[in-house]
Amino acid sequence: MRNLILSIATLLTLHSLAQQPIEVWQGTIKVGGFGNEEMYFGFAEGDQLIFSFQEVNGKELKQIEINEWPGSSKFSDFKVSKVENKQLNIQRQGVYQIKLTNGALGGRICRLHIARVPASDASRNFNTSVQWTSINDTTYTNETERYLAASDTSLINRDFVVKVNSETNANGARQLTDFDLPANTVSWSYYIGVDQEGREAYEQATQKFAQTASPIVAKIPGYGPLAALALNGFSYFTHIQKGEDISYYILDAQNATLATQKQPFKCYRQNKVINDFSSMTSPRSGKHFFYFINDNLMVGVDVTVKITAVVVNERWDERPVQKMNVSQRKVPVILQ
């Protein structure tokens, strides 16, 4: 009988302890004019939430809400200055928001008391603290994207000879000649050689190319030392030191007109040489000009000009794709 009485007493004591309110938060908080304040706490399943509120000066708040995160309303009251021991039964563990909304210009000083009554001793030490953490939301959208379906590379070669008279020639010692860069040119190269010496230097570069280039590359139509220079900057050419020289300029149409009028002009490139060569990445299309000046009083010269343009023609198409979109948001979680 004595043991039975002790057992009953122990159960009553445990039950009494389980029903004692546990303070969650107590203090004052200011809600600014036309503003709101939010507080977040965790509650365990079976808890009884006890909420008390009082505006210190007896003024009204526009609204008080208690919501189960993220938006399930559990309590709401309007135009309220005091709430005494409002009790809410917590059906499931989660984060709960207490939101105070001020609809007036002046601020409101609010005294709050929040407590919980645990359902059992097992949840008595439940941690009500909440922290904010970032999570990623992933969505997918169907879109159309353009893609490169095919790309064809071709070589466009052009060569010509320009006669440039001496300074004493009645026709003048200046000569302007044009050349076109095809649309979709990605790079190009040129070679300039004066008289026989310049032509022979080009032939030597061609022979060196044939001897050292791979058989596959050497068989590509139009592929030679100028193509190698335009595509990868590798030069088979050498500058020669003996022979008649020429001054040359590479111009656009506007500056070509200024040059023929003997007005100051700008150029892409210039030099005074017996022979010269270079790879170019600009300009890449349209009509351009070589402008030659011979400063020899008595001897005219023949200038060999060779140009290779690397042209890439691209074909674009469209296809459906699924695009992943990741957005980040903050959520409150209960501290474990």
C-alpha atoms as a PDB file:
ATOM      1  CA  MET A   1       0.000   0.000   0.000  1.00  0.00           C
ATOM      2  CA  ARG A   2       2.858   2.305   0.899  1.00  0.00           C
ATOM      3  CA  ASN A   3       4.495   1.676  -2.538  1.00  0.00           C
ATOM      4  CA  LEU A   4       1.224   2.453  -4.333  1.00  0.00           C
ATOM      5  CA  ILE A   5       0.884   5.735  -2.465  1.00  0.00           C
ATOM      6  CA  LEU A   6       4.477   6.664  -3.367  1.00  0.00           C
ATOM      7  CA  SER A   7       3.924   5.831  -7.037  1.00  0.00           C
ATOM      8  CA  ILE A   8       0.779   7.952  -7.195  1.00  0.00           C
ATOM      9  CA  ALA A   9       2.598  10.835  -5.493  1.00  0.00           C
ATOM     10  CA  THR A  10       5.474  10.577  -7.973  1.00  0.00           C
ATOM     11  CA  LEU A  11       3.105  10.659 -10.966  1.00  0.00           C
ATOM     12  CA  LEU A  12       1.275  13.678  -9.545  1.00  0.00           C
ATOM     13  CA  THR A  13       4.597  15.458  -9.024  1.00  0.00           C
ATOM     14  CA  LEU A  14       5.745  14.759 -12.601  1.00  0.00           C
ATOM     15  CA  HIS A  15       2.384  15.856 -13.983  1.00  0.00           C
ATOM     16  CA  SER A  16       2.566  19.058 -11.968  1.00  0.00           C
ATOM     17  CA  LEU A  17       6.079  19.800 -13.282  1.00  0.00           C
ATOM     18  CA  ALA A  18       4.998  19.193 -16.889  1.00  0.00           C
ATOM     19  CA  GLN A  19       2.228  21.765 -16.570  1.00  0.00           C
ATOM     20  CA  GLN A  20       4.362  24.618 -15.245  1.00  0.00           C
ATOM     21  CA  PRO A  21       4.740  27.476 -17.813  1.00  0.00           C
ATOM     22  CA  ILE A  22       8.259  28.011 -19.122  1.00  0.00           C
ATOM     23  CA  GLU A  23       9.190  31.532 -20.047  1.00  0.00           C
ATOM     24  CA  VAL A  24      10.184  31.950 -23.719  1.00  0.00           C
ATOM     25  CA  TRP A  25      10.608  35.723 -23.976  1.00  0.00           C
ATOM     26  CA  GLN A  26       9.751  38.787 -21.924  1.00  0.00           C
ATOM     27  CA  GLY A  27      10.514  42.440 -22.561  1.00  0.00           C
ATOM     28  CA  THR A  28       9.505  45.560 -24.448  1.00  0.00           C
ATOM     29  CA  ILE A  29       9.764  46.309 -28.113  1.00  0.00           C
ATOM     30  CA  LYS A  30       9.162  49.511 -30.064  1.00  0.00           C
ATOM     31  CA  VAL A  31       7.110  49.435 -33.247  1.00  0.00           C
ATOM     32  CA  GLY A  32       7.844  52.504 -35.406  1.00  0.00           C
ATOM     33  CA  GLY A  33       5.231  54.646 -37.093  1.00  0.00           C
ATOM     34  CA  PHE A  34       3.467  52.776 -39.920  1.00  0.00           C
ATOM     35  CA  GLY A  35       5.938  49.934 -39.305  1.00  0.00           C
ATOM     36  CA  ASN A  36       5.906  46.395 -38.059  1.00  0.00           C
ATOM     37  CA  GLU A  37       8.067  44.100 -35.958  1.00  0.00           C
ATOM     38  CA  GLU A  38       8.348  40.342 -36.248  1.00  0.00           C
ATOM     39  CA  MET A  39       9.606  37.800 -33.713  1.00  0.00           C
ATOM     40  CA  TYR A  40      10.188  34.092 -34.324  1.00  0.00           C
ATOM     41  CA  PHE A  41      10.197  31.202 -31.842  1.00  0.00           C
ATOM     42  CA  GLY A  42      10.113  27.430 -32.044  1.00  0.00           C
ATOM     43  CA  PHE A  43       7.467  25.359 -30.281  1.00  0.00           C
ATOM     44  CA  ALA A  44       7.190  21.606 -29.784  1.00  0.00           C
ATOM     45  CA  GLU A  45       4.193  19.493 -30.719  1.00  0.00           C
ATOM     46  CA  GLY A  46       1.650  19.513 -27.911  1.00  0.00           C
ATOM     47  CA  ASP A  47       2.914  22.777 -26.392  1.00  0.00           C
ATOM     48  CA  GLN A  48       0.488  25.374 -25.122  1.00  0.00           C
ATOM     49  CA  LEU A  49       1.625  28.851 -26.193  1.00  0.00           C
ATOM     50  CA  ILE A  50       0.700  31.606 -23.745  1.00  0.00           C
ATOM     51  CA  PHE A  51       0.862  35.164 -25.069  1.00  0.00           C
ATOM     52  CA  SER A  52       0.374  38.455 -23.241  1.00  0.00           C
ATOM     53  CA  PHE A  53       0.680  41.959 -24.680  1.00  0.00           C
ATOM     54  CA  GLN A  54       0.205  45.502 -23.460  1.00  0.00           C
ATOM     55  CA  GLU A  55       0.918  48.860 -25.082  1.00  0.00           C
ATOM     56  CA  VAL A  56       2.686  50.809 -22.345  1.00  0.00           C
ATOM     57  CA  ASN A  57       0.720  54.020 -22.940  1.00  0.00           C
ATOM     58  CA  GLY A  58      -2.600  52.308 -23.586  1.00  0.00           C
ATOM     59  CA  LYS A  59      -2.513  53.101 -27.305  1.00  0.00           C
ATOM     60  CA  GLU A  60      -3.763  50.739 -29.967  1.00  0.00           C
ATOM     61  CA  LEU A  61      -1.833  48.607 -32.414  1.00  0.00           C
ATOM     62  CA  LYS A  62      -3.372  48.138 -35.819  1.00  0.00           C
ATOM     63  CA  GLN A  63      -2.966  44.338 -35.650  1.00  0.00           C
ATOM     64  CA  ILE A  64      -1.378  41.494 -33.687  1.00  0.00           C
ATOM     65  CA  GLU A  65      -0.834  38.152 -35.450  1.00  0.00           C
ATOM     66  CA  ILE A  66       0.507  34.759 -34.456  1.00  0.00           C
ATOM     67  CA  ASN A  67       1.290  32.619 -37.509  1.00  0.00           C
ATOM     68  CA  GLU A  68       2.682  29.159 -38.006  1.00  0.00           C
ATOM     69  CA  TRP A  69       5.539  29.653 -40.473  1.00  0.00           C
ATOM     70  CA  PRO A  70       5.339  30.192 -43.339  1.00  0.00           C
ATOM     71  CA  GLY A  71       1.832  31.656 -43.264  1.00  0.00           C
ATOM     72  CA  SER A  72      -0.858  29.698 -41.412  1.00  0.00           C
ATOM     73  CA  SER A  73      -2.678  32.131 -39.111  1.00  0.00           C
ATOM     74  CA  LYS A  74      -3.336  30.919 -35.566  1.00  0.00           C
ATOM     75  CA  PHE A  75      -4.415  34.173 -33.941  1.00  0.00           C
ATOM     76  CA  SER A  76      -5.201  37.706 -35.104  1.00  0.00           C
ATOM     77  CA  ASP A  77      -6.634  40.754 -33.386  1.00  0.00           C
ATOM     78  CA  PHE A  78      -7.191  44.318 -34.628  1.00  0.00           C
ATOM     79  CA  LYS A  79      -7.054  47.703 -32.917  1.00  0.00           C
ATOM     80  CA  VAL A  80      -5.799  46.178 -29.725  1.00  0.00           C
ATOM     81  CA  SER A  81      -3.919  47.663 -26.766  1.00  0.00           C
ATOM     82  CA  LYS A  82      -3.903  44.636 -24.471  1.00  0.00           C
ATOM     83  CA  VAL A  83      -4.010  40.843 -24.661  1.00  0.00           C
ATOM     84  CA  GLU A  84      -3.998  38.761 -21.461  1.00  0.00           C
ATOM     85  CA  ASN A  85      -2.795  35.161 -21.406  1.00  0.00           C
ATOM     86  CA  LYS A  86      -3.950  34.191 -24.882  1.00  0.00           C
ATOM     87  CA  GLN A  87      -3.529  30.405 -25.077  1.00  0.00           C
ATOM     88  CA  LEU A  88      -2.862  28.502 -28.301  1.00  0.00           C
ATOM     89  CA  ASN A  89      -2.486  24.749 -28.661  1.00  0.00           C
ATOM     90  CA  ILE A  90       0.467  23.822 -30.864  1.00  0.00           C
ATOM     91  CA  GLN A  91      -0.596  20.972 -33.144  1.00  0.00           C
ATOM     92  CA  ARG A  92       2.829  20.322 -34.671  1.00  0.00           C
ATOM     93  CA  GLN A  93       6.391  21.316 -34.034  1.00  0.00           C
ATOM     94  CA  GLY A  94       7.534  24.329 -36.015  1.00  0.00           C
ATOM     95  CA  VAL A  95       8.471  27.992 -36.132  1.00  0.00           C
ATOM     96  CA  TYR A  96       5.862  30.522 -35.084  1.00  0.00           C
ATOM     97  CA  GLN A  97       5.848  34.200 -35.981  1.00  0.00           C
ATOM     98  CA  ILE A  98       4.547  36.963 -33.752  1.00  0.00           C
ATOM     99  CA  LYS A  99       3.906  40.075 -35.827  1.00  0.00           C
ATOM    100  CA  LEU A 100       3.034  43.530 -34.479  1.00  0.00           C
ATOM    101  CA  THR A 101       1.726  46.092 -36.990  1.00  0.00           C
ATOM    102  CA  ASN A 102       1.444  49.805 -36.249  1.00  0.00           C
ATOM    103  CA  GLY A 103      -0.970  51.816 -38.372  1.00  0.00           C
ATOM    104  CA  ALA A 104      -0.274  55.171 -36.705  1.00  0.00           C
ATOM    105  CA  LEU A 105       2.360  57.854 -37.304  1.00  0.00           C
ATOM    106  CA  GLY A 106       3.618  57.701 -33.734  1.00  0.00           C
ATOM    107  CA  GLY A 107       5.597  54.752 -32.409  1.00  0.00           C
ATOM    108  CA  ARG A 108       4.213  52.178 -30.001  1.00  0.00           C
ATOM    109  CA  ILE A 109       6.018  50.718 -26.960  1.00  0.00           C
ATOM    110  CA  CYS A 110       4.846  47.147 -26.443  1.00  0.00           C
ATOM    111  CA  ARG A 111       5.434  44.926 -23.413  1.00  0.00           C
ATOM    112  CA  LEU A 112       5.344  41.229 -24.287  1.00  0.00           C
ATOM    113  CA  HIS A 113       5.395  38.020 -22.334  1.00  0.00           C
ATOM    114  CA  ILE A 114       5.603  34.708 -24.182  1.00  0.00           C
ATOM    115  CA  ALA A 115       5.593  31.347 -22.412  1.00  0.00           C
ATOM    116  CA  ARG A 116       4.998  27.689 -23.211  1.00  0.00           C
ATOM    117  CA  VAL A 117       3.524  24.796 -21.297  1.00  0.00           C
ATOM    118  CA  PRO A 118       5.136  21.562 -22.525  1.00  0.00           C
ATOM    119  CA  ALA A 119       2.950  18.543 -23.170  1.00  0.00           C
ATOM    120  CA  SER A 120       5.268  16.281 -21.227  1.00  0.00           C
ATOM    121  CA  ASP A 121       8.535  16.272 -19.372  1.00  0.00           C
ATOM    122  CA  ALA A 122      10.205  14.900 -22.505  1.00  0.00           C
ATOM    123  CA  SER A 123       9.802  18.248 -24.303  1.00  0.00           C
ATOM    124  CA  ARG A 124      10.456  20.426 -21.260  1.00  0.00           C
ATOM    125  CA  ASN A 125      13.968  21.349 -22.433  1.00  0.00           C
ATOM    126  CA  PHE A 126      12.880  22.028 -26.026  1.00  0.00           C
ATOM    127  CA  ASN A 127      15.019  24.810 -27.576  1.00  0.00           C
ATOM    128  CA  THR A 128      12.751  27.644 -28.750  1.00  0.00           C
ATOM    129  CA  SER A 129      15.587  29.656 -30.345  1.00  0.00           C
ATOM    130  CA  VAL A 130      15.365  30.276 -34.093  1.00  0.00           C
ATOM    131  CA  GLN A 131      18.065  31.095 -36.599  1.00  0.00           C
ATOM    132  CA  TRP A 132      17.815  32.159 -40.236  1.00  0.00           C
ATOM    133  CA  THR A 133      19.451  30.014 -42.875  1.00  0.00           C
ATOM    134  CA  SER A 134      19.709  30.229 -46.659  1.00  0.00           C
ATOM    135  CA  ILE A 135      18.188  27.583 -48.903  1.00  0.00           C
ATOM    136  CA  ASN A 136      18.219  27.269 -52.665  1.00  0.00           C
ATOM    137  CA  ASP A 137      15.069  26.903 -54.714  1.00  0.00           C
ATOM    138  CA  THR A 138      15.561  25.300 -58.114  1.00  0.00           C
ATOM    139  CA  THR A 139      13.095  25.727 -60.955  1.00  0.00           C
ATOM    140  CA  TYR A 140      13.269  24.824 -64.623  1.00  0.00           C
ATOM    141  CA  THR A 141      12.026  26.776 -67.618  1.00  0.00           C
ATOM    142  CA  ASN A 142      11.793  25.762 -71.243  1.00  0.00           C
ATOM    143  CA  GLU A 143      13.663  28.134 -73.534  1.00  0.00           C
ATOM    144  CA  THR A 144      15.067  28.302 -77.032  1.00  0.00           C
ATOM    145  CA  GLU A 145      18.790  28.766 -77.530  1.00  0.00           C
ATOM    146  CA  ARG A 146      20.854  29.515 -80.607  1.00  0.00           C
ATOM    147  CA  TYR A 147      23.779  27.224 -81.267  1.00  0.00           C
ATOM    148  CA  LEU A 148      26.528  26.948 -83.828  1.00  0.00           C
ATOM    149  CA  ALA A 149      25.380  24.181 -86.175  1.00  0.00           C
ATOM    150  CA  ALA A 150      28.288  24.372 -88.610  1.00  0.00           C
ATOM    151  CA  SER A 151      31.425  26.396 -89.266  1.00  0.00           C
ATOM    152  CA  ASP A 152      33.298  26.453 -92.563  1.00  0.00           C
ATOM    153  CA  THR A 153      36.735  28.037 -92.923  1.00  0.00           C
ATOM    154  CA  SER A 154      38.044  29.112 -96.317  1.00  0.00           C
ATOM    155  CA  LEU A 155      41.093  30.980 -97.593  1.00  0.00           C
ATOM    156  CA  ILE A 156      40.729  33.849-100.055  1.00  0.00           C
ATOM    157  CA  ASN A 157      43.977  34.747-101.838  1.00  0.00           C
ATOM    158  CA  ARG A 158      44.673  37.800-103.946  1.00  0.00           C
ATOM    159  CA  ASP A 159      47.900  39.012-105.540  1.00  0.00           C
ATOM    160  CA  PHE A 160      48.787  41.864-107.888  1.00  0.00           C
ATOM    161  CA  VAL A 161      51.726  43.963-109.016  1.00  0.00           C
ATOM    162  CA  VAL A 162      51.786  47.751-108.672  1.00  0.00           C
ATOM    163  CA  LYS A 163      54.047  49.928-110.853  1.00  0.00           C
ATOM    164  CA  VAL A 164      55.373  52.913-108.875  1.00  0.00           C
ATOM    165  CA  ASN A 165      57.248  55.498-110.940  1.00  0.00           C
ATOM    166  CA  SER A 166      60.351  57.454-109.936  1.00  0.00           C
ATOM    167  CA  GLU A 167      60.150  60.989-108.537  1.00  0.00           C
ATOM    168  CA  THR A 168      61.166  62.523-111.864  1.00  0.00           C
ATOM    169  CA  ASN A 169      58.464  60.678-113.807  1.00  0.00           C
ATOM    170  CA  ALA A 170      55.736  62.951-115.138  1.00  0.00           C
ATOM    171  CA  ASN A 171      53.065  60.614-113.718  1.00  0.00           C
ATOM    172  CA  GLY A 172      54.374  61.004-110.157  1.00  0.00           C
ATOM    173  CA  ALA A 173      55.978  58.659-107.660  1.00  0.00           C
ATOM    174  CA  ARG A 174      52.816  57.825-105.684  1.00  0.00           C
ATOM    175  CA  GLN A 175      50.399  54.996-106.355  1.00  0.00           C
ATOM    176  CA  LEU A 176      47.129  54.022-104.639  1.00  0.00           C
ATOM    177  CA  THR A 177      45.565  50.568-105.115  1.00  0.00           C
ATOM    178  CA  ASP A 178      42.555  49.047-103.416  1.00  0.00           C
ATOM    179  CA  PHE A 179      41.766  45.582-102.081  1.00  0.00           C
ATOM    180  CA  ASP A 180      38.665  44.019-100.526  1.00  0.00           C
ATOM    181  CA  LEU A 181      38.391  41.966 -97.351  1.00  0.00           C
ATOM    182  CA  PRO A 182      35.473  39.522 -97.611  1.00  0.00           C
ATOM    183  CA  ALA A 183      32.670  39.490 -95.059  1.00  0.00           C
ATOM    184  CA  ASN A 184      33.344  37.192 -92.090  1.00  0.00           C
ATOM    185  CA  THR A 185      37.108  37.662 -92.309  1.00  0.00           C
ATOM    186  CA  VAL A 186      38.621  36.734 -88.952  1.00  0.00           C
ATOM    187  CA  SER A 187      42.250  37.465 -89.811  1.00  0.00           C
ATOM    188  CA  TRP A 188      44.397  38.190 -92.827  1.00  0.00           C
ATOM    189  CA  SER A 189      48.026  38.597 -93.831  1.00  0.00           C
ATOM    190  CA  TYR A 190      49.959  40.368 -96.541  1.00  0.00           C
ATOM    191  CA  TYR A 191      53.336  40.306 -98.232  1.00  0.00           C
ATOM    192  CA  ILE A 192      55.014  43.204-100.057  1.00  0.00           C
ATOM    193  CA  GLY A 193      58.149  42.712-102.166  1.00  0.00           C
ATOM    194  CA  VAL A 194      59.980  45.138-104.441  1.00  0.00           C
ATOM    195  CA  ASP A 195      61.209  44.011-107.878  1.00  0.00           C
ATOM    196  CA  GLN A 196      62.970  40.704-108.432  1.00  0.00           C
ATOM    197  CA  GLU A 197      64.480  40.559-104.932  1.00  0.00           C
ATOM    198  CA  GLY A 198      61.051  40.805-103.343  1.00  0.00           C
ATOM    199  CA  ARG A 199      59.578  38.097-105.615  1.00  0.00           C
ATOM    200  CA  GLU A 200      62.469  35.743-104.892  1.00  0.00           C
ATOM    201  CA  ALA A 201      62.093  36.206-101.125  1.00  0.00           C
ATOM    202  CA  TYR A 202      58.451  35.139-101.425  1.00  0.00           C
ATOM    203  CA  GLU A 203      59.387  32.062-103.463  1.00  0.00           C
ATOM    204  CA  GLN A 204      61.946  31.071-100.842  1.00  0.00           C
ATOM    205  CA  ALA A 205      59.271  31.276 -98.137  1.00  0.00           C
ATOM    206  CA  THR A 206      56.966  29.128-100.276  1.00  0.00           C
ATOM    207  CA  GLN A 207      59.664  26.464-100.673  1.00  0.00           C
ATOM    208  CA  LYS A 208      60.388  26.475 -96.932  1.00  0.00           C
ATOM    209  CA  PHE A 209      56.703  26.032 -96.239  1.00  0.00           C
ATOM    210  CA  ALA A 210      56.441  23.072 -98.630  1.00  0.00           C
ATOM    211  CA  GLN A 211      59.439  21.417 -96.993  1.00  0.00           C
ATOM    212  CA  THR A 212      58.397  21.806 -93.359  1.00  0.00           C
ATOM    213  CA  ALA A 213      54.572  21.844 -93.349  1.00  0.00           C
ATOM    214  CA  SER A 214      52.720  18.593 -92.742  1.00  0.00           C
ATOM    215  CA  PRO A 215      51.499  16.817 -95.901  1.00  0.00           C
ATOM    216  CA  ILE A 216      47.863  17.258 -94.865  1.00  0.00           C
ATOM    217  CA  VAL A 217      48.214  21.034 -94.384  1.00  0.00           C
ATOM    218  CA  ALA A 218      50.244  21.488 -97.563  1.00  0.00           C
ATOM    219  CA  LYS A 219      47.441  19.919 -99.626  1.00  0.00           C
ATOM    220  CA  ILE A 220      44.742  22.335 -98.414  1.00  0.00           C
ATOM    221  CA  PRO A 221      43.713  24.539-101.359  1.00  0.00           C
ATOM    222  CA  GLY A 222      45.161  28.024-101.035  1.00  0.00           C
ATOM    223  CA  TYR A 223      47.164  27.169 -97.930  1.00  0.00           C
ATOM    224  CA  GLY A 224      50.661  28.610 -98.036  1.00  0.00           C
ATOM    225  CA  PRO A 225      53.062  30.746 -96.006  1.00  0.00           C
ATOM    226  CA  LEU A 226      50.624  33.666 -95.839  1.00  0.00           C
ATOM    227  CA  ALA A 227      47.829  31.401 -94.574  1.00  0.00           C
ATOM    228  CA  ALA A 228      50.155  30.071 -91.860  1.00  0.00           C
ATOM    229  CA  LEU A 229      50.982  33.649 -90.890  1.00  0.00           C
ATOM    230  CA  ALA A 230      47.301  34.669 -90.765  1.00  0.00           C
ATOM    231  CA  LEU A 231      46.109  31.601 -88.854  1.00  0.00           C
ATOM    232  CA  ASN A 232      48.774  31.063 -86.220  1.00  0.00           C
ATOM    233  CA  GLY A 233      51.312  33.867 -86.604  1.00  0.00           C
ATOM    234  CA  PHE A 234      54.066  31.516 -87.754  1.00  0.00           C
ATOM    235  CA  SER A 235      56.284  33.175 -90.364  1.00  0.00           C
ATOM    236  CA  TYR A 236      58.275  31.489 -93.121  1.00  0.00           C
ATOM    237  CA  PHE A 237      59.399  34.907 -94.418  1.00  0.00           C
ATOM    238  CA  THR A 238      62.644  36.798 -93.859  1.00  0.00           C
ATOM    239  CA  HIS A 239      63.447  40.442 -94.442  1.00  0.00           C
ATOM    240  CA  ILE A 240      65.966  41.136 -97.190  1.00  0.00           C
ATOM    241  CA  GLN A 241      68.574  43.867 -96.963  1.00  0.00           C
ATOM    242  CA  LYS A 242      69.605  44.584-100.560  1.00  0.00           C
ATOM    243  CA  GLY A 243      67.499  46.104-103.314  1.00  0.00           C
ATOM    244  CA  GLU A 244      65.231  49.053-104.049  1.00  0.00           C
ATOM    245  CA  ASP A 245      62.882  50.006-101.232  1.00  0.00           C
ATOM    246  CA  ILE A 246      59.362  51.434-101.094  1.00  0.00           C
ATOM    247  CA  SER A 247      57.314  53.330 -98.518  1.00  0.00           C
ATOM    248  CA  TYR A 248      53.849  51.866 -98.026  1.00  0.00           C
ATOM    249  CA  TYR A 249      50.741  52.646 -95.982  1.00  0.00           C
ATOM    250  CA  ILE A 250      47.535  50.695 -95.393  1.00  0.00           C
ATOM    251  CA  LEU A 251      44.539  53.061 -95.364  1.00  0.00           C
ATOM    252  CA  ASP A 252      40.764  53.171 -95.188  1.00  0.00           C
ATOM    253  CA  ALA A 253      38.741  55.023 -97.822  1.00  0.00           C
ATOM    254  CA  GLN A 254      38.629  58.376 -96.005  1.00  0.00           C
ATOM    255  CA  ASN A 255      42.371  58.511 -95.408  1.00  0.00           C
ATOM    256  CA  ALA A 256      43.068  57.262 -98.931  1.00  0.00           C
ATOM    257  CA  THR A 257      41.308  60.394-100.230  1.00  0.00           C
ATOM    258  CA  LEU A 258      43.392  62.586 -97.919  1.00  0.00           C
ATOM    259  CA  ALA A 259      46.578  60.865 -99.071  1.00  0.00           C
ATOM    260  CA  THR A 260      45.864  61.498-102.782  1.00  0.00           C
ATOM    261  CA  GLN A 261      45.217  65.154-101.901  1.00  0.00           C
ATOM    262  CA  LYS A 262      48.573  65.214-100.070  1.00  0.00           C
ATOM    263  CA  GLN A 263      46.803  66.052 -96.848  1.00  0.00           C
ATOM    264  CA  PRO A 264      47.737  64.604 -93.426  1.00  0.00           C
ATOM    265  CA  PHE A 265      46.267  61.108 -93.011  1.00  0.00           C
ATOM    266  CA  LYS A 266      46.168  58.165 -90.607  1.00  0.00           C
ATOM    267  CA  CYS A 267      46.970  54.547 -91.425  1.00  0.00           C
ATOM    268  CA  TYR A 268      46.659  51.021 -90.009  1.00  0.00           C
ATOM    269  CA  ARG A 269      50.306  50.233 -90.726  1.00  0.00           C
ATOM    270  CA  GLN A 270      53.301  51.785 -92.485  1.00  0.00           C
ATOM    271  CA  ASN A 271      56.940  51.001 -93.277  1.00  0.00           C
ATOM    272  CA  LYS A 272      59.789  51.653 -95.689  1.00  0.00           C
ATOM    273  CA  VAL A 273      61.125  48.297 -96.875  1.00  0.00           C
ATOM    274  CA  ILE A 274      62.459  46.090 -99.639  1.00  0.00           C
ATOM    275  CA  ASN A 275      59.994  43.461 -98.511  1.00  0.00           C
ATOM    276  CA  ASP A 276      57.580  43.224 -95.584  1.00  0.00           C
ATOM    277  CA  PHE A 277      54.860  40.957 -94.178  1.00  0.00           C
ATOM    278  CA  SER A 278      52.441  40.847 -91.281  1.00  0.00           C
ATOM    279  CA  SER A 279      49.337  39.179 -89.895  1.00  0.00           C
ATOM    280  CA  MET A 280      46.323  41.435 -89.251  1.00  0.00           C
ATOM    281  CA  THR A 281      43.168  41.115 -87.167  1.00  0.00           C
ATOM    282  CA  SER A 282      41.830  44.581 -87.982  1.00  0.00           C
ATOM    283  CA  PRO A 283      40.192  45.731 -90.171  1.00  0.00           C
ATOM    284  CA  ARG A 284      38.113  42.669 -91.015  1.00  0.00           C
ATOM    285  CA  SER A 285      35.884  43.651 -93.926  1.00  0.00           C
ATOM    286  CA  GLY A 286      35.309  46.194 -96.655  1.00  0.00           C
ATOM    287  CA  LYS A 287      37.459  48.102 -99.119  1.00  0.00           C
ATOM    288  CA  HIS A 288      40.909  49.265 -98.090  1.00  0.00           C
ATOM    289  CA  PHE A 289      44.002  50.646 -99.816  1.00  0.00           C
ATOM    290  CA  PHE A 290      47.748  50.272-100.184  1.00  0.00           C
ATOM    291  CA  TYR A 291      49.423  53.622-100.765  1.00  0.00           C
ATOM    292  CA  PHE A 292      52.987  53.472-102.158  1.00  0.00           C
ATOM    293  CA  ILE A 293      55.598  56.253-102.382  1.00  0.00           C
ATOM    294  CA  ASN A 294      58.860  55.816-104.307  1.00  0.00           C
ATOM    295  CA  ASP A 295      61.638  58.239-103.279  1.00  0.00           C
ATOM    296  CA  ASN A 296      64.066  57.103-106.000  1.00  0.00           C
ATOM    297  CA  LEU A 297      64.783  60.011-108.385  1.00  0.00           C
ATOM    298  CA  MET A 298      65.377  57.926-111.495  1.00  0.00           C
ATOM    299  CA  VAL A 299      64.225  54.340-111.004  1.00  0.00           C
ATOM    300  CA  GLY A 300      60.669  53.102-110.930  1.00  0.00           C
ATOM    301  CA  VAL A 301      59.842  49.836-109.150  1.00  0.00           C
ATOM    302  CA  ASP A 302      57.369  46.971-109.391  1.00  0.00           C
ATOM    303  CA  VAL A 303      55.766  46.099-106.054  1.00  0.00           C
ATOM    304  CA  THR A 304      54.369  42.588-105.643  1.00  0.00           C
ATOM    305  CA  VAL A 305      51.434  42.480-103.204  1.00  0.00           C
ATOM    306  CA  LYS A 306      49.944  39.227-101.907  1.00  0.00           C
ATOM    307  CA  ILE A 307      47.018  38.963 -99.480  1.00  0.00           C
ATOM    308  CA  THR A 308      45.401  35.947 -97.789  1.00  0.00           C
ATOM    309  CA  ALA A 309      42.131  36.342 -95.868  1.00  0.00           C
ATOM    310  CA  VAL A 310      40.842  33.678 -93.479  1.00  0.00           C
ATOM    311  CA  VAL A 311      37.049  33.616 -93.795  1.00  0.00           C
ATOM    312  CA  VAL A 312      34.827  31.735 -91.345  1.00  0.00           C
ATOM    313  CA  ASN A 313      31.185  31.223 -92.340  1.00  0.00           C
ATOM    314  CA  GLU A 314      29.013  30.128 -89.430  1.00  0.00           C
ATOM    315  CA  ARG A 315      25.545  28.589 -89.612  1.00  0.00           C
ATOM    316  CA  TRP A 316      23.432  29.085 -86.506  1.00  0.00           C
ATOM    317  CA  ASP A 317      20.289  27.171 -85.573  1.00  0.00           C
ATOM    318  CA  GLU A 318      17.844  27.006 -82.675  1.00  0.00           C
ATOM    319  CA  ARG A 319      16.935  24.196 -80.302  1.00  0.00           C
ATOM    320  CA  PRO A 320      14.758  23.836 -77.186  1.00  0.00           C
ATOM    321  CA  VAL A 321      16.615  23.639 -73.871  1.00  0.00           C
ATOM    322  CA  GLN A 322      15.628  23.360 -70.243  1.00  0.00           C
ATOM    323  CA  LYS A 323      17.229  26.097 -68.190  1.00  0.00           C
ATOM    324  CA  MET A 324      17.823  25.665 -64.476  1.00  0.00           C
ATOM    325  CA  ASN A 325      17.103  28.715 -62.327  1.00  0.00           C
ATOM    326  CA  VAL A 326      18.399  28.795 -58.761  1.00  0.00           C
ATOM    327  CA  SER A 327      17.149  31.417 -56.326  1.00  0.00           C
ATOM    328  CA  GLN A 328      18.111  31.806 -52.701  1.00  0.00           C
ATOM    329  CA  ARG A 329      15.831  32.672 -49.816  1.00  0.00           C
ATOM    330  CA  LYS A 330      16.117  32.906 -46.051  1.00  0.00           C
ATOM    331  CA  VAL A 331      14.003  30.684 -43.795  1.00  0.00           C
ATOM    332  CA  PRO A 332      13.792  30.383 -40.000  1.00  0.00           C
ATOM    333  CA  VAL A 333      14.732  27.046 -38.459  1.00  0.00           C
ATOM    334  CA  ILE A 334      14.674  25.801 -34.884  1.00  0.00           C
ATOM    335  CA  LEU A 335      18.095  25.467 -33.259  1.00  0.00           C
ATOM    336  CA  GLN A 336      18.787  21.865 -32.297  1.00  0.00           C
END
